Amino acid sequence: MIKLKTLKIILLIVLISSCAKKQEAIIKIKEVTPWCIIGFDTKNRTPTQRINMLKEFGLKKYGYNRGTADFTSMTEEFKLAKQNNIEITSVFLWLNAKRDTIGKLSEANTMLLNGLNNAPFKPAIWVSFSDNFFKDLNQQQSVERAVNMIRYIKQKADALGCKLALYNHDGWFGNPLNQLEILDVLNGDSISIVYNFHHALEHLQQFPSIAKKIAPHLSYVNLNGVKKEGPQILPIGAGDYELNMIKVLLNEGYKGPWGILGHIKTEDVQQVLNNNLNGLKLINQQLREQ
């Protein structure tokens, strides 16, 4: 027979294990992916320096964006990431009506897609549109133009073996309800939505209803501090709305993945990421208490 003292020890171990599992379960956001960390950095880090920075944080994934459209180091960066067991999960494709049309993309966008041909990853292509695509168009015309362009980009993404996602920036295309209308016309489940808190300021009052509609289509949510009057970029936890927005998404069944932002050209991106990671700890603490 098991002695009483031994039984108490076993029960204590079970209790501790159960508490640890419960604590793990209520930490809602466990892993995050940095986004907009290239071109938003006063130290202008090289690919090697950027990879080393991510390793110092213990981060295993990040998104690749080139706001300056300089893709000369893209192959090197992808190679370094692979060598260091860091995954590049996404690339950003910005379409501008002055440079991008069906059958002919800008030089920068062509370089980006060509760079994915032999890349060691198959990152999702996050696509967004300049509002000049939809100038002087009504709703139906805007949807038709977006659908036709997305079909063209989807063909290229399929050829590369990459997923495609619609990215809410500003303007007509930045409205998630318009993106849902586009997806309805495309009538396919292989295209998803990336939702960005820093582009949500215009839709704060509608967010609960928007979240309910987009939740089944979400492949990524990029977090940010959110204040109604801005500024647009704030550390997580420094805003008034992001906690409730996260709770709404969790209640709608979204479980991640989540992104955090660099996105400040006048600061060291390492400090910006650190501020966001600290803010994320605060958010998780608040989620545990509720």
C-alpha atoms as a PDB file:
ATOM      1  CA  MET A   1       0.000   0.000   0.000  1.00  0.00           C
ATOM      2  CA  ILE A   2       1.111   3.569  -0.683  1.00  0.00           C
ATOM      3  CA  LYS A   3       2.071   5.380   2.487  1.00  0.00           C
ATOM      4  CA  LEU A   4       0.088   8.498   3.365  1.00  0.00           C
ATOM      5  CA  LYS A   5       3.144  10.746   3.029  1.00  0.00           C
ATOM      6  CA  THR A   6       3.936   9.326  -0.414  1.00  0.00           C
ATOM      7  CA  LEU A   7       0.308   9.785  -1.484  1.00  0.00           C
ATOM      8  CA  LYS A   8       0.387  13.419  -0.409  1.00  0.00           C
ATOM      9  CA  ILE A   9       3.526  14.012  -2.465  1.00  0.00           C
ATOM     10  CA  ILE A  10       1.920  12.420  -5.530  1.00  0.00           C
ATOM     11  CA  LEU A  11      -1.209  14.542  -5.122  1.00  0.00           C
ATOM     12  CA  LEU A  12       0.918  17.675  -4.742  1.00  0.00           C
ATOM     13  CA  ILE A  13       2.812  16.874  -7.961  1.00  0.00           C
ATOM     14  CA  VAL A  14      -0.485  16.316  -9.794  1.00  0.00           C
ATOM     15  CA  LEU A  15      -1.849  19.597  -8.451  1.00  0.00           C
ATOM     16  CA  ILE A  16       1.272  21.546  -9.493  1.00  0.00           C
ATOM     17  CA  SER A  17       1.178  19.962 -12.952  1.00  0.00           C
ATOM     18  CA  SER A  18      -2.511  20.799 -13.318  1.00  0.00           C
ATOM     19  CA  CYS A  19      -1.915  24.431 -12.302  1.00  0.00           C
ATOM     20  CA  ALA A  20       0.968  24.723 -14.765  1.00  0.00           C
ATOM     21  CA  LYS A  21      -1.216  23.416 -17.573  1.00  0.00           C
ATOM     22  CA  LYS A  22      -4.012  25.790 -16.608  1.00  0.00           C
ATOM     23  CA  GLN A  23      -1.573  28.711 -16.541  1.00  0.00           C
ATOM     24  CA  GLU A  24      -0.331  27.717 -20.004  1.00  0.00           C
ATOM     25  CA  ALA A  25      -3.894  27.531 -21.301  1.00  0.00           C
ATOM     26  CA  ILE A  26      -4.817  31.051 -20.234  1.00  0.00           C
ATOM     27  CA  ILE A  27      -1.780  32.671 -21.839  1.00  0.00           C
ATOM     28  CA  LYS A  28      -3.617  33.563 -25.009  1.00  0.00           C
ATOM     29  CA  ILE A  29      -0.772  34.910 -27.130  1.00  0.00           C
ATOM     30  CA  LYS A  30       2.305  32.702 -26.892  1.00  0.00           C
ATOM     31  CA  GLU A  31       4.255  33.359 -30.083  1.00  0.00           C
ATOM     32  CA  VAL A  32       4.527  36.481 -32.179  1.00  0.00           C
ATOM     33  CA  THR A  33       6.090  37.311 -35.533  1.00  0.00           C
ATOM     34  CA  PRO A  34       7.854  40.658 -36.089  1.00  0.00           C
ATOM     35  CA  TRP A  35       6.663  42.668 -39.084  1.00  0.00           C
ATOM     36  CA  CYS A  36       7.916  45.898 -40.698  1.00  0.00           C
ATOM     37  CA  ILE A  37      11.386  45.584 -39.221  1.00  0.00           C
ATOM     38  CA  ILE A  38      13.256  46.231 -42.492  1.00  0.00           C
ATOM     39  CA  GLY A  39      13.527  49.857 -43.519  1.00  0.00           C
ATOM     40  CA  PHE A  40      12.130  50.898 -40.121  1.00  0.00           C
ATOM     41  CA  ASP A  41      15.348  50.960 -38.134  1.00  0.00           C
ATOM     42  CA  THR A  42      17.709  53.823 -37.321  1.00  0.00           C
ATOM     43  CA  LYS A  43      20.579  51.327 -37.152  1.00  0.00           C
ATOM     44  CA  ASN A  44      19.811  50.145 -40.697  1.00  0.00           C
ATOM     45  CA  ARG A  45      20.789  46.586 -39.804  1.00  0.00           C
ATOM     46  CA  THR A  46      22.255  44.227 -42.368  1.00  0.00           C
ATOM     47  CA  PRO A  47      20.599  40.830 -42.872  1.00  0.00           C
ATOM     48  CA  THR A  48      23.198  39.271 -40.560  1.00  0.00           C
ATOM     49  CA  GLN A  49      22.607  41.861 -37.848  1.00  0.00           C
ATOM     50  CA  ARG A  50      18.840  41.489 -38.175  1.00  0.00           C
ATOM     51  CA  ILE A  51      18.982  37.708 -37.845  1.00  0.00           C
ATOM     52  CA  ASN A  52      21.246  38.046 -34.791  1.00  0.00           C
ATOM     53  CA  MET A  53      18.809  40.496 -33.222  1.00  0.00           C
ATOM     54  CA  LEU A  54      15.919  38.070 -33.681  1.00  0.00           C
ATOM     55  CA  LYS A  55      18.003  35.273 -32.151  1.00  0.00           C
ATOM     56  CA  GLU A  56      18.705  37.448 -29.114  1.00  0.00           C
ATOM     57  CA  PHE A  57      14.962  37.840 -28.628  1.00  0.00           C
ATOM     58  CA  GLY A  58      14.429  34.109 -29.136  1.00  0.00           C
ATOM     59  CA  LEU A  59      12.102  34.823 -32.058  1.00  0.00           C
ATOM     60  CA  LYS A  60      11.753  32.054 -34.635  1.00  0.00           C
ATOM     61  CA  LYS A  61       9.755  33.773 -37.376  1.00  0.00           C
ATOM     62  CA  TYR A  62       9.418  37.139 -39.078  1.00  0.00           C
ATOM     63  CA  GLY A  63       7.900  38.846 -42.092  1.00  0.00           C
ATOM     64  CA  TYR A  64       9.983  40.258 -44.940  1.00  0.00           C
ATOM     65  CA  ASN A  65       9.089  43.734 -46.189  1.00  0.00           C
ATOM     66  CA  ARG A  66      11.159  46.102 -48.304  1.00  0.00           C
ATOM     67  CA  GLY A  67       9.653  49.547 -48.141  1.00  0.00           C
ATOM     68  CA  THR A  68      12.593  50.951 -50.095  1.00  0.00           C
ATOM     69  CA  ALA A  69      12.085  48.288 -52.788  1.00  0.00           C
ATOM     70  CA  ASP A  70      15.741  47.233 -52.593  1.00  0.00           C
ATOM     71  CA  PHE A  71      15.712  43.456 -53.014  1.00  0.00           C
ATOM     72  CA  THR A  72      19.425  43.035 -53.732  1.00  0.00           C
ATOM     73  CA  SER A  73      20.020  41.351 -50.358  1.00  0.00           C
ATOM     74  CA  MET A  74      16.836  39.262 -50.394  1.00  0.00           C
ATOM     75  CA  THR A  75      18.541  35.995 -51.392  1.00  0.00           C
ATOM     76  CA  GLU A  76      21.204  36.495 -48.718  1.00  0.00           C
ATOM     77  CA  GLU A  77      18.619  37.201 -46.027  1.00  0.00           C
ATOM     78  CA  PHE A  78      16.498  34.172 -46.842  1.00  0.00           C
ATOM     79  CA  LYS A  79      19.598  31.975 -46.829  1.00  0.00           C
ATOM     80  CA  LEU A  80      20.777  33.332 -43.480  1.00  0.00           C
ATOM     81  CA  ALA A  81      17.347  32.884 -41.944  1.00  0.00           C
ATOM     82  CA  LYS A  82      17.265  29.249 -43.059  1.00  0.00           C
ATOM     83  CA  GLN A  83      20.756  28.612 -41.704  1.00  0.00           C
ATOM     84  CA  ASN A  84      19.697  29.989 -38.330  1.00  0.00           C
ATOM     85  CA  ASN A  85      16.410  28.053 -38.172  1.00  0.00           C
ATOM     86  CA  ILE A  86      14.325  31.213 -38.483  1.00  0.00           C
ATOM     87  CA  GLU A  87      11.319  31.108 -40.782  1.00  0.00           C
ATOM     88  CA  ILE A  88      10.303  33.971 -43.067  1.00  0.00           C
ATOM     89  CA  THR A  89       6.535  33.688 -43.002  1.00  0.00           C
ATOM     90  CA  SER A  90       5.412  36.490 -45.329  1.00  0.00           C
ATOM     91  CA  VAL A  91       6.408  39.043 -47.940  1.00  0.00           C
ATOM     92  CA  PHE A  92       4.587  42.277 -48.754  1.00  0.00           C
ATOM     93  CA  LEU A  93       3.379  43.026 -52.281  1.00  0.00           C
ATOM     94  CA  TRP A  94       2.214  46.624 -52.718  1.00  0.00           C
ATOM     95  CA  LEU A  95       0.328  47.315 -55.931  1.00  0.00           C
ATOM     96  CA  ASN A  96       0.213  50.816 -57.409  1.00  0.00           C
ATOM     97  CA  ALA A  97      -1.916  51.613 -60.469  1.00  0.00           C
ATOM     98  CA  LYS A  98       0.853  53.814 -61.866  1.00  0.00           C
ATOM     99  CA  ARG A  99       3.256  50.870 -62.045  1.00  0.00           C
ATOM    100  CA  ASP A 100       1.296  47.626 -61.789  1.00  0.00           C
ATOM    101  CA  THR A 101      -1.209  46.247 -64.261  1.00  0.00           C
ATOM    102  CA  ILE A 102      -2.438  42.799 -65.254  1.00  0.00           C
ATOM    103  CA  GLY A 103       0.328  41.244 -67.306  1.00  0.00           C
ATOM    104  CA  LYS A 104       3.006  43.711 -66.180  1.00  0.00           C
ATOM    105  CA  LEU A 105       4.167  44.369 -62.631  1.00  0.00           C
ATOM    106  CA  SER A 106       6.602  47.038 -61.510  1.00  0.00           C
ATOM    107  CA  GLU A 107      10.312  46.280 -61.544  1.00  0.00           C
ATOM    108  CA  ALA A 108      10.388  46.057 -57.749  1.00  0.00           C
ATOM    109  CA  ASN A 109       7.431  43.668 -57.537  1.00  0.00           C
ATOM    110  CA  THR A 110       8.889  41.545 -60.321  1.00  0.00           C
ATOM    111  CA  MET A 111      12.183  41.337 -58.409  1.00  0.00           C
ATOM    112  CA  LEU A 112      10.329  40.331 -55.257  1.00  0.00           C
ATOM    113  CA  LEU A 113       8.422  37.509 -56.926  1.00  0.00           C
ATOM    114  CA  ASN A 114      11.491  36.345 -58.852  1.00  0.00           C
ATOM    115  CA  GLY A 115      13.362  36.219 -55.551  1.00  0.00           C
ATOM    116  CA  LEU A 116      10.858  33.655 -54.293  1.00  0.00           C
ATOM    117  CA  ASN A 117      11.554  31.244 -57.133  1.00  0.00           C
ATOM    118  CA  ASN A 118      14.442  29.504 -55.408  1.00  0.00           C
ATOM    119  CA  ALA A 119      13.832  30.712 -51.853  1.00  0.00           C
ATOM    120  CA  PRO A 120      14.178  28.150 -49.029  1.00  0.00           C
ATOM    121  CA  PHE A 121      10.733  29.171 -47.739  1.00  0.00           C
ATOM    122  CA  LYS A 122       7.310  29.558 -49.284  1.00  0.00           C
ATOM    123  CA  PRO A 123       6.121  32.669 -47.444  1.00  0.00           C
ATOM    124  CA  ALA A 124       2.581  33.938 -47.770  1.00  0.00           C
ATOM    125  CA  ILE A 125       2.274  36.908 -50.129  1.00  0.00           C
ATOM    126  CA  TRP A 126       0.464  39.728 -48.349  1.00  0.00           C
ATOM    127  CA  VAL A 127      -1.031  41.882 -51.074  1.00  0.00           C
ATOM    128  CA  SER A 128      -2.455  45.382 -50.774  1.00  0.00           C
ATOM    129  CA  PHE A 129      -3.466  48.168 -53.135  1.00  0.00           C
ATOM    130  CA  SER A 130      -2.795  51.864 -53.416  1.00  0.00           C
ATOM    131  CA  ASP A 131      -6.080  53.756 -53.431  1.00  0.00           C
ATOM    132  CA  ASN A 132      -5.293  55.053 -56.939  1.00  0.00           C
ATOM    133  CA  PHE A 133      -6.551  51.695 -58.247  1.00  0.00           C
ATOM    134  CA  PHE A 134     -10.075  52.686 -57.266  1.00  0.00           C
ATOM    135  CA  LYS A 135     -10.166  56.399 -58.043  1.00  0.00           C
ATOM    136  CA  ASP A 136     -13.487  57.500 -59.569  1.00  0.00           C
ATOM    137  CA  LEU A 137     -14.868  53.944 -59.462  1.00  0.00           C
ATOM    138  CA  ASN A 138     -18.147  52.916 -57.844  1.00  0.00           C
ATOM    139  CA  GLN A 139     -18.398  49.927 -55.506  1.00  0.00           C
ATOM    140  CA  GLN A 140     -19.091  47.330 -58.193  1.00  0.00           C
ATOM    141  CA  GLN A 141     -16.314  48.635 -60.438  1.00  0.00           C
ATOM    142  CA  SER A 142     -13.874  48.670 -57.520  1.00  0.00           C
ATOM    143  CA  VAL A 143     -14.683  45.084 -56.604  1.00  0.00           C
ATOM    144  CA  GLU A 144     -14.316  43.966 -60.226  1.00  0.00           C
ATOM    145  CA  ARG A 145     -10.962  45.693 -60.630  1.00  0.00           C
ATOM    146  CA  ALA A 146      -9.617  44.262 -57.376  1.00  0.00           C
ATOM    147  CA  VAL A 147     -10.860  40.753 -58.215  1.00  0.00           C
ATOM    148  CA  ASN A 148      -9.230  40.773 -61.662  1.00  0.00           C
ATOM    149  CA  MET A 149      -5.896  41.967 -60.285  1.00  0.00           C
ATOM    150  CA  ILE A 150      -5.972  39.482 -57.414  1.00  0.00           C
ATOM    151  CA  ARG A 151      -6.696  36.625 -59.808  1.00  0.00           C
ATOM    152  CA  TYR A 152      -3.597  37.631 -61.744  1.00  0.00           C
ATOM    153  CA  ILE A 153      -1.465  37.750 -58.584  1.00  0.00           C
ATOM    154  CA  LYS A 154      -2.978  34.463 -57.390  1.00  0.00           C
ATOM    155  CA  GLN A 155      -1.734  32.736 -60.535  1.00  0.00           C
ATOM    156  CA  LYS A 156       1.780  33.916 -59.762  1.00  0.00           C
ATOM    157  CA  ALA A 157       1.488  32.903 -56.105  1.00  0.00           C
ATOM    158  CA  ASP A 158       0.257  29.433 -57.089  1.00  0.00           C
ATOM    159  CA  ALA A 159       3.172  29.006 -59.488  1.00  0.00           C
ATOM    160  CA  LEU A 160       5.552  29.845 -56.630  1.00  0.00           C
ATOM    161  CA  GLY A 161       3.780  27.560 -54.180  1.00  0.00           C
ATOM    162  CA  CYS A 162       2.875  30.516 -51.941  1.00  0.00           C
ATOM    163  CA  LYS A 163      -0.386  31.323 -50.200  1.00  0.00           C
ATOM    164  CA  LEU A 164      -2.047  34.689 -50.874  1.00  0.00           C
ATOM    165  CA  ALA A 165      -3.607  36.983 -48.274  1.00  0.00           C
ATOM    166  CA  LEU A 166      -5.383  40.336 -48.497  1.00  0.00           C
ATOM    167  CA  TYR A 167      -3.744  42.973 -46.289  1.00  0.00           C
ATOM    168  CA  ASN A 168      -5.827  45.816 -44.885  1.00  0.00           C
ATOM    169  CA  HIS A 169      -3.951  49.052 -45.534  1.00  0.00           C
ATOM    170  CA  ASP A 170      -5.722  52.396 -45.959  1.00  0.00           C
ATOM    171  CA  GLY A 171      -8.351  53.478 -48.476  1.00  0.00           C
ATOM    172  CA  TRP A 172     -11.035  51.431 -50.177  1.00  0.00           C
ATOM    173  CA  PHE A 173      -9.099  48.157 -50.123  1.00  0.00           C
ATOM    174  CA  GLY A 174      -8.251  48.670 -46.448  1.00  0.00           C
ATOM    175  CA  ASN A 175     -11.881  48.186 -45.478  1.00  0.00           C
ATOM    176  CA  PRO A 176     -12.285  44.530 -44.436  1.00  0.00           C
ATOM    177  CA  LEU A 177     -15.905  44.557 -45.576  1.00  0.00           C
ATOM    178  CA  ASN A 178     -14.704  45.296 -49.111  1.00  0.00           C
ATOM    179  CA  GLN A 179     -12.186  42.472 -48.813  1.00  0.00           C
ATOM    180  CA  LEU A 180     -14.975  40.104 -47.803  1.00  0.00           C
ATOM    181  CA  GLU A 181     -16.931  41.151 -50.880  1.00  0.00           C
ATOM    182  CA  ILE A 182     -13.862  40.404 -53.010  1.00  0.00           C
ATOM    183  CA  LEU A 183     -13.471  36.959 -51.435  1.00  0.00           C
ATOM    184  CA  ASP A 184     -17.151  36.253 -52.014  1.00  0.00           C
ATOM    185  CA  VAL A 185     -16.709  36.909 -55.737  1.00  0.00           C
ATOM    186  CA  LEU A 186     -13.531  34.823 -55.869  1.00  0.00           C
ATOM    187  CA  ASN A 187     -15.443  32.052 -54.105  1.00  0.00           C
ATOM    188  CA  GLY A 188     -12.395  30.228 -52.810  1.00  0.00           C
ATOM    189  CA  ASP A 189     -10.960  29.400 -49.406  1.00  0.00           C
ATOM    190  CA  SER A 190      -7.304  29.517 -50.451  1.00  0.00           C
ATOM    191  CA  ILE A 191      -7.088  33.313 -50.084  1.00  0.00           C
ATOM    192  CA  SER A 192      -7.101  34.653 -46.531  1.00  0.00           C
ATOM    193  CA  ILE A 193      -7.103  38.010 -44.739  1.00  0.00           C
ATOM    194  CA  VAL A 194      -4.364  39.679 -42.705  1.00  0.00           C
ATOM    195  CA  TYR A 195      -5.835  42.137 -40.231  1.00  0.00           C
ATOM    196  CA  ASN A 196      -3.701  44.999 -38.902  1.00  0.00           C
ATOM    197  CA  PHE A 197      -4.592  46.857 -35.737  1.00  0.00           C
ATOM    198  CA  HIS A 198      -2.637  49.915 -36.915  1.00  0.00           C
ATOM    199  CA  HIS A 199      -5.015  50.218 -39.874  1.00  0.00           C
ATOM    200  CA  ALA A 200      -8.160  49.756 -37.772  1.00  0.00           C
ATOM    201  CA  LEU A 201      -8.706  53.321 -36.571  1.00  0.00           C
ATOM    202  CA  GLU A 202     -11.467  54.053 -39.091  1.00  0.00           C
ATOM    203  CA  HIS A 203     -13.444  50.966 -38.112  1.00  0.00           C
ATOM    204  CA  LEU A 204     -13.231  50.874 -34.302  1.00  0.00           C
ATOM    205  CA  GLN A 205     -16.966  51.234 -33.701  1.00  0.00           C
ATOM    206  CA  GLN A 206     -17.672  48.438 -36.182  1.00  0.00           C
ATOM    207  CA  PHE A 207     -14.898  46.163 -34.969  1.00  0.00           C
ATOM    208  CA  PRO A 208     -17.026  43.555 -33.126  1.00  0.00           C
ATOM    209  CA  SER A 209     -19.200  42.995 -36.193  1.00  0.00           C
ATOM    210  CA  ILE A 210     -16.177  43.110 -38.506  1.00  0.00           C
ATOM    211  CA  ALA A 211     -14.303  40.585 -36.362  1.00  0.00           C
ATOM    212  CA  LYS A 212     -17.228  38.177 -36.479  1.00  0.00           C
ATOM    213  CA  LYS A 213     -17.286  38.320 -40.280  1.00  0.00           C
ATOM    214  CA  ILE A 214     -13.542  38.111 -40.951  1.00  0.00           C
ATOM    215  CA  ALA A 215     -12.611  35.570 -38.255  1.00  0.00           C
ATOM    216  CA  PRO A 216     -13.169  32.517 -40.503  1.00  0.00           C
ATOM    217  CA  HIS A 217     -10.843  34.041 -43.117  1.00  0.00           C
ATOM    218  CA  LEU A 218      -7.997  35.276 -40.893  1.00  0.00           C
ATOM    219  CA  SER A 219      -4.492  33.911 -41.358  1.00  0.00           C
ATOM    220  CA  TYR A 220      -2.657  36.612 -39.346  1.00  0.00           C
ATOM    221  CA  VAL A 221      -3.401  39.493 -36.991  1.00  0.00           C
ATOM    222  CA  ASN A 222      -0.737  42.171 -36.505  1.00  0.00           C
ATOM    223  CA  LEU A 223      -1.053  43.783 -33.090  1.00  0.00           C
ATOM    224  CA  ASN A 224      -0.494  47.407 -32.136  1.00  0.00           C
ATOM    225  CA  GLY A 225      -1.556  49.871 -29.488  1.00  0.00           C
ATOM    226  CA  VAL A 226      -4.821  51.480 -30.592  1.00  0.00           C
ATOM    227  CA  LYS A 227      -6.074  54.946 -29.669  1.00  0.00           C
ATOM    228  CA  LYS A 228      -9.009  56.514 -31.475  1.00  0.00           C
ATOM    229  CA  GLU A 229      -7.138  59.738 -32.210  1.00  0.00           C
ATOM    230  CA  GLY A 230      -3.824  58.004 -32.899  1.00  0.00           C
ATOM    231  CA  PRO A 231      -0.933  58.040 -33.328  1.00  0.00           C
ATOM    232  CA  GLN A 232      -1.101  55.182 -35.777  1.00  0.00           C
ATOM    233  CA  ILE A 233       1.870  53.267 -34.352  1.00  0.00           C
ATOM    234  CA  LEU A 234       1.872  52.627 -30.591  1.00  0.00           C
ATOM    235  CA  PRO A 235       3.390  49.895 -28.442  1.00  0.00           C
ATOM    236  CA  ILE A 236       1.011  47.099 -27.526  1.00  0.00           C
ATOM    237  CA  GLY A 237      -0.603  47.925 -24.198  1.00  0.00           C
ATOM    238  CA  ALA A 238      -0.235  51.698 -24.635  1.00  0.00           C
ATOM    239  CA  GLY A 239      -3.594  52.118 -26.346  1.00  0.00           C
ATOM    240  CA  ASP A 240      -7.211  52.094 -25.227  1.00  0.00           C
ATOM    241  CA  TYR A 241      -8.736  49.469 -27.523  1.00  0.00           C
ATOM    242  CA  GLU A 242      -6.306  46.631 -28.278  1.00  0.00           C
ATOM    243  CA  LEU A 243      -7.127  44.504 -25.217  1.00  0.00           C
ATOM    244  CA  ASN A 244     -10.834  44.428 -26.031  1.00  0.00           C
ATOM    245  CA  MET A 245     -10.095  43.888 -29.723  1.00  0.00           C
ATOM    246  CA  ILE A 246      -7.967  40.866 -28.869  1.00  0.00           C
ATOM    247  CA  LYS A 247     -10.698  39.540 -26.569  1.00  0.00           C
ATOM    248  CA  VAL A 248     -13.268  39.922 -29.348  1.00  0.00           C
ATOM    249  CA  LEU A 249     -11.069  37.948 -31.748  1.00  0.00           C
ATOM    250  CA  LEU A 250     -10.431  35.223 -29.158  1.00  0.00           C
ATOM    251  CA  ASN A 251     -14.157  34.968 -28.481  1.00  0.00           C
ATOM    252  CA  GLU A 252     -14.738  34.568 -32.216  1.00  0.00           C
ATOM    253  CA  GLY A 253     -12.382  31.584 -32.189  1.00  0.00           C
ATOM    254  CA  TYR A 254      -9.204  33.145 -33.562  1.00  0.00           C
ATOM    255  CA  LYS A 255      -6.129  31.557 -31.955  1.00  0.00           C
ATOM    256  CA  GLY A 256      -3.302  33.142 -33.927  1.00  0.00           C
ATOM    257  CA  PRO A 257      -0.788  33.554 -35.401  1.00  0.00           C
ATOM    258  CA  TRP A 258      -0.073  37.091 -34.186  1.00  0.00           C
ATOM    259  CA  GLY A 259       2.378  39.724 -35.375  1.00  0.00           C
ATOM    260  CA  ILE A 260       4.104  42.650 -33.666  1.00  0.00           C
ATOM    261  CA  LEU A 261       5.372  45.769 -35.403  1.00  0.00           C
ATOM    262  CA  GLY A 262       8.589  47.659 -35.905  1.00  0.00           C
ATOM    263  CA  HIS A 263       7.257  50.301 -38.294  1.00  0.00           C
ATOM    264  CA  ILE A 264       8.999  53.359 -36.782  1.00  0.00           C
ATOM    265  CA  LYS A 265      11.714  54.876 -38.953  1.00  0.00           C
ATOM    266  CA  THR A 266      13.054  57.168 -36.236  1.00  0.00           C
ATOM    267  CA  GLU A 267      13.862  54.487 -33.641  1.00  0.00           C
ATOM    268  CA  ASP A 268      16.059  51.447 -33.142  1.00  0.00           C
ATOM    269  CA  VAL A 269      13.799  48.556 -34.119  1.00  0.00           C
ATOM    270  CA  GLN A 270      15.245  46.413 -31.331  1.00  0.00           C
ATOM    271  CA  GLN A 271      13.858  48.834 -28.759  1.00  0.00           C
ATOM    272  CA  VAL A 272      10.526  49.041 -30.592  1.00  0.00           C
ATOM    273  CA  LEU A 273      10.179  45.247 -30.557  1.00  0.00           C
ATOM    274  CA  ASN A 274      11.205  45.146 -26.916  1.00  0.00           C
ATOM    275  CA  ASN A 275       8.473  47.660 -26.069  1.00  0.00           C
ATOM    276  CA  ASN A 276       5.910  45.539 -27.890  1.00  0.00           C
ATOM    277  CA  LEU A 277       7.015  42.318 -26.205  1.00  0.00           C
ATOM    278  CA  ASN A 278       6.765  43.998 -22.800  1.00  0.00           C
ATOM    279  CA  GLY A 279       3.322  45.295 -23.739  1.00  0.00           C
ATOM    280  CA  LEU A 280       2.329  41.796 -24.776  1.00  0.00           C
ATOM    281  CA  LYS A 281       3.219  40.538 -21.281  1.00  0.00           C
ATOM    282  CA  LEU A 282       0.872  43.175 -19.876  1.00  0.00           C
ATOM    283  CA  ILE A 283      -1.912  42.114 -22.248  1.00  0.00           C
ATOM    284  CA  ASN A 284      -1.501  38.458 -21.292  1.00  0.00           C
ATOM    285  CA  GLN A 285      -1.586  39.402 -17.610  1.00  0.00           C
ATOM    286  CA  GLN A 286      -4.819  41.310 -18.181  1.00  0.00           C
ATOM    287  CA  LEU A 287      -6.283  38.361 -20.078  1.00  0.00           C
ATOM    288  CA  ARG A 288      -5.406  36.051 -17.180  1.00  0.00           C
ATOM    289  CA  GLU A 289      -7.165  38.328 -14.707  1.00  0.00           C
ATOM    290  CA  GLN A 290     -10.431  38.447 -16.645  1.00  0.00           C
END
